[in-house]
């Protein structure tokens, strides 16, 4: 039985500031998943 997973693909992710291999931060807020690009300062 495979573990739960979510796959997001598409150039639209780059348009929103997500780049291949970039770490992300995932949080749960009242039944919603929030995915943020981790900023490297």
N, C-alpha and C. Protein backbone atom coordinates (compact mmCIF):
# COMPACT_ATOMS: atom_id res chain seq x y z
N UNK A 1 0.85 -1.18 0.00
CA UNK A 1 0.00 0.00 0.00
C UNK A 1 0.89 1.25 0.00
N UNK A 2 0.87 2.06 -1.06
CA UNK A 2 1.77 3.22 -1.13
C UNK A 2 1.36 4.32 -0.14
N UNK A 3 2.34 5.08 0.33
CA UNK A 3 2.03 6.19 1.25
C UNK A 3 1.31 7.31 0.50
N UNK A 4 0.57 8.16 1.21
CA UNK A 4 -0.08 9.29 0.56
C UNK A 4 0.95 10.21 -0.07
N UNK A 5 0.61 10.76 -1.25
CA UNK A 5 1.51 11.71 -1.89
C UNK A 5 0.71 12.68 -2.74
N UNK A 6 1.28 13.83 -2.97
CA UNK A 6 0.67 14.85 -3.81
C UNK A 6 1.74 15.30 -4.80
N UNK A 7 1.43 15.24 -6.10
CA UNK A 7 2.37 15.64 -7.13
C UNK A 7 1.83 16.86 -7.87
N UNK A 8 2.64 17.90 -7.94
CA UNK A 8 2.27 19.10 -8.68
C UNK A 8 3.26 19.28 -9.82
N UNK A 9 2.76 19.50 -11.03
CA UNK A 9 3.62 19.65 -12.20
C UNK A 9 3.11 20.80 -13.06
N UNK A 10 4.02 21.39 -13.79
CA UNK A 10 3.61 22.39 -14.78
C UNK A 10 4.44 23.66 -14.69
N UNK A 11 4.53 24.33 -15.82
CA UNK A 11 5.30 25.58 -15.89
C UNK A 11 4.66 26.68 -15.04
N UNK A 12 3.38 26.54 -14.75
CA UNK A 12 2.71 27.56 -13.94
C UNK A 12 3.36 27.69 -12.56
N UNK A 13 3.99 26.61 -12.08
CA UNK A 13 4.67 26.67 -10.79
C UNK A 13 5.85 27.64 -10.84
N UNK A 14 6.59 27.63 -11.95
CA UNK A 14 7.69 28.59 -12.12
C UNK A 14 7.16 30.01 -12.12
N UNK A 15 6.02 30.23 -12.76
CA UNK A 15 5.42 31.56 -12.80
C UNK A 15 5.07 32.07 -11.41
N UNK A 16 4.82 31.13 -10.49
CA UNK A 16 4.48 31.50 -9.12
C UNK A 16 5.69 31.53 -8.19
N UNK A 17 6.89 31.30 -8.73
CA UNK A 17 8.10 31.40 -7.92
C UNK A 17 8.64 30.09 -7.38
N UNK A 18 8.11 28.95 -7.86
CA UNK A 18 8.61 27.65 -7.43
C UNK A 18 9.53 27.10 -8.50
N UNK A 19 10.76 26.77 -8.13
CA UNK A 19 11.74 26.25 -9.08
C UNK A 19 12.05 24.79 -8.77
N UNK A 20 12.46 24.03 -9.77
CA UNK A 20 12.79 22.62 -9.61
C UNK A 20 13.87 22.46 -8.54
N UNK A 21 13.62 21.57 -7.59
CA UNK A 21 14.59 21.28 -6.54
C UNK A 21 14.56 22.24 -5.37
N UNK A 22 13.78 23.29 -5.47
CA UNK A 22 13.72 24.29 -4.39
C UNK A 22 12.93 23.72 -3.21
N UNK A 23 13.45 23.86 -2.00
CA UNK A 23 12.70 23.40 -0.83
C UNK A 23 11.41 24.20 -0.66
N UNK A 24 10.40 23.54 -0.12
CA UNK A 24 9.14 24.21 0.17
C UNK A 24 8.76 23.99 1.63
N UNK A 25 7.88 24.82 2.11
CA UNK A 25 7.33 24.69 3.46
C UNK A 25 5.85 24.37 3.29
N UNK A 26 5.40 23.27 3.91
CA UNK A 26 4.00 22.88 3.84
C UNK A 26 3.41 22.96 5.23
N UNK A 27 2.32 23.71 5.36
CA UNK A 27 1.62 23.81 6.64
C UNK A 27 0.15 23.48 6.42
N UNK A 28 -0.52 23.10 7.51
CA UNK A 28 -1.95 22.78 7.46
C UNK A 28 -2.68 23.84 8.26
N UNK A 29 -3.68 24.45 7.63
CA UNK A 29 -4.48 25.48 8.29
C UNK A 29 -5.95 25.18 8.06
N UNK A 30 -6.65 24.77 9.09
CA UNK A 30 -8.10 24.53 9.03
C UNK A 30 -8.52 23.73 7.79
N UNK A 31 -7.91 22.58 7.62
CA UNK A 31 -8.30 21.70 6.52
C UNK A 31 -7.75 22.08 5.16
N UNK A 32 -6.78 23.00 5.12
CA UNK A 32 -6.17 23.34 3.83
C UNK A 32 -4.67 23.20 3.93
N UNK A 33 -4.05 22.81 2.83
CA UNK A 33 -2.60 22.74 2.74
C UNK A 33 -2.09 24.04 2.16
N UNK A 34 -1.07 24.61 2.79
CA UNK A 34 -0.45 25.83 2.29
C UNK A 34 0.98 25.48 1.90
N UNK A 35 1.34 25.72 0.65
CA UNK A 35 2.67 25.40 0.14
C UNK A 35 3.37 26.70 -0.19
N UNK A 36 4.52 26.93 0.48
CA UNK A 36 5.28 28.17 0.28
C UNK A 36 6.69 27.83 -0.19
N UNK A 37 7.20 28.64 -1.11
CA UNK A 37 8.59 28.49 -1.52
C UNK A 37 9.47 28.93 -0.36
N UNK A 38 10.47 28.11 -0.04
CA UNK A 38 11.40 28.48 1.03
C UNK A 38 12.39 29.49 0.46
N UNK A 39 12.43 30.66 1.06
CA UNK A 39 13.31 31.72 0.57
C UNK A 39 14.71 31.53 1.12
N UNK A 40 15.68 31.60 0.25
CA UNK A 40 17.09 31.49 0.66
C UNK A 40 17.66 32.89 0.71
N UNK A 41 17.93 33.33 1.92
CA UNK A 41 18.44 34.70 2.11
C UNK A 41 19.94 34.69 2.28
